[in-house]
Amino acid sequence: MIARLRRAASARRARWEALCGRCGRCCYEKEIRGFSVVANYRRPCLHLDTATRLCTVYENRLAVCPQCRRITLRHALFVRWLPDGCGYVQRFHFRRAAVHASAPAKTSIAGSDRKG
Protein backbone atom coordinates (compact mmCIF):
# COMPACT_ATOMS: atom_id res chain seq x y z
CA MET A 1 0.00 0.00 0.00
CA ILE A 2 2.72 2.47 0.96
CA ALA A 3 4.78 1.56 -2.09
CA ARG A 4 1.77 2.23 -4.32
CA LEU A 5 1.25 5.64 -2.69
CA ARG A 6 4.92 6.50 -3.20
CA ARG A 7 4.74 5.50 -6.87
CA ALA A 8 1.60 7.61 -7.31
CA ALA A 9 3.27 10.61 -5.64
CA SER A 10 6.35 10.15 -7.80
CA ALA A 11 4.23 9.99 -10.97
CA ARG A 12 2.34 13.13 -9.90
CA ARG A 13 5.64 14.99 -9.33
CA ALA A 14 6.92 13.83 -12.73
CA ARG A 15 3.76 15.10 -14.47
CA TRP A 16 4.10 18.44 -12.65
CA GLU A 17 7.79 18.76 -13.55
CA ALA A 18 6.95 17.94 -17.18
CA LEU A 19 4.97 21.21 -17.37
CA CYS A 20 8.23 23.15 -17.17
CA GLY A 21 9.20 24.64 -20.53
CA ARG A 22 12.80 25.23 -19.38
CA CYS A 23 12.62 28.99 -19.89
CA GLY A 24 14.93 29.50 -16.89
CA ARG A 25 13.08 32.60 -15.70
CA CYS A 26 12.43 31.16 -12.25
CA CYS A 27 16.23 30.80 -11.87
CA TYR A 28 16.95 34.50 -11.51
CA GLU A 29 17.39 36.27 -8.20
CA LYS A 30 14.26 37.77 -6.69
CA GLU A 31 14.14 41.19 -5.05
CA ILE A 32 11.59 42.84 -2.86
CA ARG A 33 10.44 46.15 -4.32
CA GLY A 34 7.81 47.89 -2.29
CA PHE A 35 5.27 45.25 -1.41
CA SER A 36 6.03 42.80 -4.21
CA VAL A 37 8.72 40.35 -5.26
CA VAL A 38 10.19 40.78 -8.73
CA ALA A 39 12.74 38.78 -10.70
CA ASN A 40 15.99 40.54 -11.49
CA TYR A 41 16.80 39.21 -14.98
CA ARG A 42 20.28 40.73 -14.81
CA ARG A 43 21.27 38.36 -11.98
CA PRO A 44 20.89 34.66 -12.82
CA CYS A 45 21.43 31.94 -10.25
CA LEU A 46 25.03 30.72 -10.09
CA HIS A 47 23.86 27.30 -11.26
CA LEU A 48 21.93 28.49 -14.31
CA ASP A 49 23.61 27.90 -17.66
CA THR A 50 22.29 30.99 -19.46
CA ALA A 51 23.12 29.58 -22.91
CA THR A 52 20.96 26.48 -22.49
CA ARG A 53 18.65 27.93 -19.78
CA LEU A 54 19.13 24.74 -17.78
CA CYS A 55 20.13 24.32 -14.16
CA THR A 56 23.50 22.61 -13.85
CA VAL A 57 22.53 21.02 -10.50
CA TYR A 58 18.85 20.40 -11.23
CA GLU A 59 18.49 17.01 -9.51
CA ASN A 60 20.04 18.36 -6.27
CA ARG A 61 19.06 22.02 -6.65
CA LEU A 62 17.01 22.21 -3.47
CA ALA A 63 19.93 20.96 -1.36
CA VAL A 64 22.69 22.86 -3.21
CA CYS A 65 21.10 26.27 -3.65
CA PRO A 66 19.40 27.90 -0.63
CA GLN A 67 17.50 30.36 -2.86
CA CYS A 68 16.01 27.64 -5.05
CA ARG A 69 12.41 26.67 -4.45
CA ARG A 70 10.32 23.95 -6.03
CA ILE A 71 7.63 25.62 -8.13
CA THR A 72 4.26 24.63 -6.73
CA LEU A 73 0.65 25.24 -7.66
CA ARG A 74 0.66 28.13 -5.18
CA HIS A 75 3.47 29.77 -7.17
CA ALA A 76 1.61 29.27 -10.44
CA LEU A 77 -1.53 30.77 -8.95
CA PHE A 78 -0.17 33.72 -7.03
CA VAL A 79 3.39 34.85 -7.77
CA ARG A 80 3.81 37.62 -10.30
CA TRP A 81 7.45 37.02 -11.15
CA LEU A 82 6.69 33.90 -13.19
CA PRO A 83 6.22 34.93 -16.84
CA ASP A 84 3.00 34.25 -18.76
CA GLY A 85 4.96 31.82 -20.94
CA CYS A 86 5.81 29.60 -17.94
CA GLY A 87 4.34 26.11 -18.39
CA TYR A 88 3.03 26.10 -14.82
CA VAL A 89 1.31 29.46 -15.28
CA GLN A 90 -0.12 28.46 -18.65
CA ARG A 91 -1.58 25.28 -17.14
CA PHE A 92 -3.30 27.34 -14.45
CA HIS A 93 -4.65 29.90 -16.93
CA PHE A 94 -6.02 27.09 -19.11
CA ARG A 95 -7.83 25.52 -16.16
CA ARG A 96 -9.11 28.85 -14.89
CA ALA A 97 -10.46 29.76 -18.33
CA ALA A 98 -12.15 26.35 -18.61
CA VAL A 99 -13.78 26.72 -15.19
CA HIS A 100 -15.07 30.20 -15.97
CA ALA A 101 -16.40 29.11 -19.35
CA SER A 102 -18.33 26.15 -17.89
CA ALA A 103 -19.66 27.91 -14.79
CA PRO A 104 -23.26 29.11 -15.04
CA ALA A 105 -23.78 32.83 -14.63
CA LYS A 106 -25.21 33.85 -11.26
CA THR A 107 -28.28 35.99 -11.61
CA SER A 108 -29.05 36.69 -7.97
CA ILE A 109 -27.29 37.13 -4.69
CA ALA A 110 -27.76 34.28 -2.23
CA GLY A 111 -30.64 35.02 0.12
CA SER A 112 -32.04 37.87 -1.99
CA ASP A 113 -35.08 35.86 -2.99
CA ARG A 114 -36.39 35.77 0.57
CA LYS A 115 -39.66 37.46 1.30
CA GLY A 116 -39.28 40.17 3.90
C-alpha atoms as a PDB file:
ATOM      1  CA  MET A   1       0.000   0.000   0.000  1.00  0.00           C
ATOM      2  CA  ILE A   2       2.722   2.471   0.961  1.00  0.00           C
ATOM      3  CA  ALA A   3       4.784   1.558  -2.090  1.00  0.00           C
ATOM      4  CA  ARG A   4       1.770   2.232  -4.318  1.00  0.00           C
ATOM      5  CA  LEU A   5       1.249   5.644  -2.686  1.00  0.00           C
ATOM      6  CA  ARG A   6       4.917   6.502  -3.199  1.00  0.00           C
ATOM      7  CA  ARG A   7       4.737   5.502  -6.872  1.00  0.00           C
ATOM      8  CA  ALA A   8       1.600   7.615  -7.313  1.00  0.00           C
ATOM      9  CA  ALA A   9       3.271  10.612  -5.645  1.00  0.00           C
ATOM     10  CA  SER A  10       6.350  10.150  -7.804  1.00  0.00           C
ATOM     11  CA  ALA A  11       4.231   9.992 -10.968  1.00  0.00           C
ATOM     12  CA  ARG A  12       2.342  13.128  -9.895  1.00  0.00           C
ATOM     13  CA  ARG A  13       5.641  14.993  -9.328  1.00  0.00           C
ATOM     14  CA  ALA A  14       6.916  13.831 -12.728  1.00  0.00           C
ATOM     15  CA  ARG A  15       3.758  15.105 -14.475  1.00  0.00           C
ATOM     16  CA  TRP A  16       4.100  18.444 -12.652  1.00  0.00           C
ATOM     17  CA  GLU A  17       7.793  18.760 -13.548  1.00  0.00           C
ATOM     18  CA  ALA A  18       6.946  17.936 -17.181  1.00  0.00           C
ATOM     19  CA  LEU A  19       4.970  21.207 -17.370  1.00  0.00           C
ATOM     20  CA  CYS A  20       8.230  23.149 -17.167  1.00  0.00           C
ATOM     21  CA  GLY A  21       9.196  24.637 -20.534  1.00  0.00           C
ATOM     22  CA  ARG A  22      12.801  25.233 -19.382  1.00  0.00           C
ATOM     23  CA  CYS A  23      12.617  28.992 -19.895  1.00  0.00           C
ATOM     24  CA  GLY A  24      14.929  29.501 -16.891  1.00  0.00           C
ATOM     25  CA  ARG A  25      13.081  32.602 -15.702  1.00  0.00           C
ATOM     26  CA  CYS A  26      12.434  31.156 -12.247  1.00  0.00           C
ATOM     27  CA  CYS A  27      16.230  30.798 -11.869  1.00  0.00           C
ATOM     28  CA  TYR A  28      16.952  34.500 -11.508  1.00  0.00           C
ATOM     29  CA  GLU A  29      17.385  36.273  -8.203  1.00  0.00           C
ATOM     30  CA  LYS A  30      14.260  37.773  -6.689  1.00  0.00           C
ATOM     31  CA  GLU A  31      14.141  41.187  -5.052  1.00  0.00           C
ATOM     32  CA  ILE A  32      11.588  42.842  -2.856  1.00  0.00           C
ATOM     33  CA  ARG A  33      10.439  46.146  -4.321  1.00  0.00           C
ATOM     34  CA  GLY A  34       7.813  47.893  -2.291  1.00  0.00           C
ATOM     35  CA  PHE A  35       5.268  45.252  -1.414  1.00  0.00           C
ATOM     36  CA  SER A  36       6.031  42.801  -4.209  1.00  0.00           C
ATOM     37  CA  VAL A  37       8.719  40.347  -5.264  1.00  0.00           C
ATOM     38  CA  VAL A  38      10.185  40.784  -8.735  1.00  0.00           C
ATOM     39  CA  ALA A  39      12.740  38.776 -10.695  1.00  0.00           C
ATOM     40  CA  ASN A  40      15.994  40.535 -11.495  1.00  0.00           C
ATOM     41  CA  TYR A  41      16.798  39.213 -14.984  1.00  0.00           C
ATOM     42  CA  ARG A  42      20.281  40.726 -14.807  1.00  0.00           C
ATOM     43  CA  ARG A  43      21.274  38.360 -11.975  1.00  0.00           C
ATOM     44  CA  PRO A  44      20.891  34.659 -12.824  1.00  0.00           C
ATOM     45  CA  CYS A  45      21.429  31.942 -10.249  1.00  0.00           C
ATOM     46  CA  LEU A  46      25.031  30.720 -10.089  1.00  0.00           C
ATOM     47  CA  HIS A  47      23.860  27.299 -11.256  1.00  0.00           C
ATOM     48  CA  LEU A  48      21.926  28.486 -14.313  1.00  0.00           C
ATOM     49  CA  ASP A  49      23.611  27.905 -17.662  1.00  0.00           C
ATOM     50  CA  THR A  50      22.293  30.988 -19.458  1.00  0.00           C
ATOM     51  CA  ALA A  51      23.125  29.577 -22.907  1.00  0.00           C
ATOM     52  CA  THR A  52      20.955  26.476 -22.487  1.00  0.00           C
ATOM     53  CA  ARG A  53      18.654  27.932 -19.782  1.00  0.00           C
ATOM     54  CA  LEU A  54      19.132  24.744 -17.781  1.00  0.00           C
ATOM     55  CA  CYS A  55      20.131  24.324 -14.160  1.00  0.00           C
ATOM     56  CA  THR A  56      23.505  22.615 -13.853  1.00  0.00           C
ATOM     57  CA  VAL A  57      22.535  21.019 -10.500  1.00  0.00           C
ATOM     58  CA  TYR A  58      18.852  20.397 -11.229  1.00  0.00           C
ATOM     59  CA  GLU A  59      18.494  17.012  -9.507  1.00  0.00           C
ATOM     60  CA  ASN A  60      20.044  18.359  -6.274  1.00  0.00           C
ATOM     61  CA  ARG A  61      19.063  22.024  -6.653  1.00  0.00           C
ATOM     62  CA  LEU A  62      17.014  22.214  -3.471  1.00  0.00           C
ATOM     63  CA  ALA A  63      19.927  20.961  -1.357  1.00  0.00           C
ATOM     64  CA  VAL A  64      22.686  22.860  -3.215  1.00  0.00           C
ATOM     65  CA  CYS A  65      21.100  26.275  -3.645  1.00  0.00           C
ATOM     66  CA  PRO A  66      19.400  27.898  -0.632  1.00  0.00           C
ATOM     67  CA  GLN A  67      17.500  30.363  -2.861  1.00  0.00           C
ATOM     68  CA  CYS A  68      16.012  27.635  -5.052  1.00  0.00           C
ATOM     69  CA  ARG A  69      12.405  26.673  -4.453  1.00  0.00           C
ATOM     70  CA  ARG A  70      10.320  23.950  -6.031  1.00  0.00           C
ATOM     71  CA  ILE A  71       7.635  25.622  -8.131  1.00  0.00           C
ATOM     72  CA  THR A  72       4.261  24.632  -6.733  1.00  0.00           C
ATOM     73  CA  LEU A  73       0.650  25.236  -7.661  1.00  0.00           C
ATOM     74  CA  ARG A  74       0.662  28.129  -5.185  1.00  0.00           C
ATOM     75  CA  HIS A  75       3.475  29.770  -7.167  1.00  0.00           C
ATOM     76  CA  ALA A  76       1.614  29.266 -10.445  1.00  0.00           C
ATOM     77  CA  LEU A  77      -1.527  30.769  -8.952  1.00  0.00           C
ATOM     78  CA  PHE A  78      -0.171  33.724  -7.033  1.00  0.00           C
ATOM     79  CA  VAL A  79       3.386  34.851  -7.768  1.00  0.00           C
ATOM     80  CA  ARG A  80       3.808  37.618 -10.296  1.00  0.00           C
ATOM     81  CA  TRP A  81       7.446  37.018 -11.155  1.00  0.00           C
ATOM     82  CA  LEU A  82       6.691  33.900 -13.194  1.00  0.00           C
ATOM     83  CA  PRO A  83       6.223  34.932 -16.839  1.00  0.00           C
ATOM     84  CA  ASP A  84       3.004  34.254 -18.760  1.00  0.00           C
ATOM     85  CA  GLY A  85       4.962  31.817 -20.938  1.00  0.00           C
ATOM     86  CA  CYS A  86       5.812  29.595 -17.940  1.00  0.00           C
ATOM     87  CA  GLY A  87       4.338  26.112 -18.386  1.00  0.00           C
ATOM     88  CA  TYR A  88       3.032  26.099 -14.816  1.00  0.00           C
ATOM     89  CA  VAL A  89       1.308  29.461 -15.282  1.00  0.00           C
ATOM     90  CA  GLN A  90      -0.125  28.458 -18.651  1.00  0.00           C
ATOM     91  CA  ARG A  91      -1.580  25.284 -17.144  1.00  0.00           C
ATOM     92  CA  PHE A  92      -3.301  27.339 -14.451  1.00  0.00           C
ATOM     93  CA  HIS A  93      -4.650  29.900 -16.931  1.00  0.00           C
ATOM     94  CA  PHE A  94      -6.019  27.089 -19.106  1.00  0.00           C
ATOM     95  CA  ARG A  95      -7.834  25.519 -16.161  1.00  0.00           C
ATOM     96  CA  ARG A  96      -9.113  28.854 -14.888  1.00  0.00           C
ATOM     97  CA  ALA A  97     -10.464  29.756 -18.335  1.00  0.00           C
ATOM     98  CA  ALA A  98     -12.151  26.351 -18.614  1.00  0.00           C
ATOM     99  CA  VAL A  99     -13.775  26.716 -15.185  1.00  0.00           C
ATOM    100  CA  HIS A 100     -15.065  30.198 -15.970  1.00  0.00           C
ATOM    101  CA  ALA A 101     -16.404  29.108 -19.347  1.00  0.00           C
ATOM    102  CA  SER A 102     -18.325  26.154 -17.895  1.00  0.00           C
ATOM    103  CA  ALA A 103     -19.663  27.915 -14.785  1.00  0.00           C
ATOM    104  CA  PRO A 104     -23.260  29.108 -15.045  1.00  0.00           C
ATOM    105  CA  ALA A 105     -23.784  32.825 -14.626  1.00  0.00           C
ATOM    106  CA  LYS A 106     -25.206  33.849 -11.265  1.00  0.00           C
ATOM    107  CA  THR A 107     -28.279  35.990 -11.614  1.00  0.00           C
ATOM    108  CA  SER A 108     -29.048  36.695  -7.974  1.00  0.00           C
ATOM    109  CA  ILE A 109     -27.292  37.125  -4.689  1.00  0.00           C
ATOM    110  CA  ALA A 110     -27.758  34.283  -2.227  1.00  0.00           C
ATOM    111  CA  GLY A 111     -30.640  35.025   0.118  1.00  0.00           C
ATOM    112  CA  SER A 112     -32.043  37.868  -1.993  1.00  0.00           C
ATOM    113  CA  ASP A 113     -35.084  35.860  -2.992  1.00  0.00           C
ATOM    114  CA  ARG A 114     -36.391  35.767   0.567  1.00  0.00           C
ATOM    115  CA  LYS A 115     -39.656  37.464   1.297  1.00  0.00           C
ATOM    116  CA  GLY A 116     -39.277  40.167   3.902  1.00  0.00           C
END
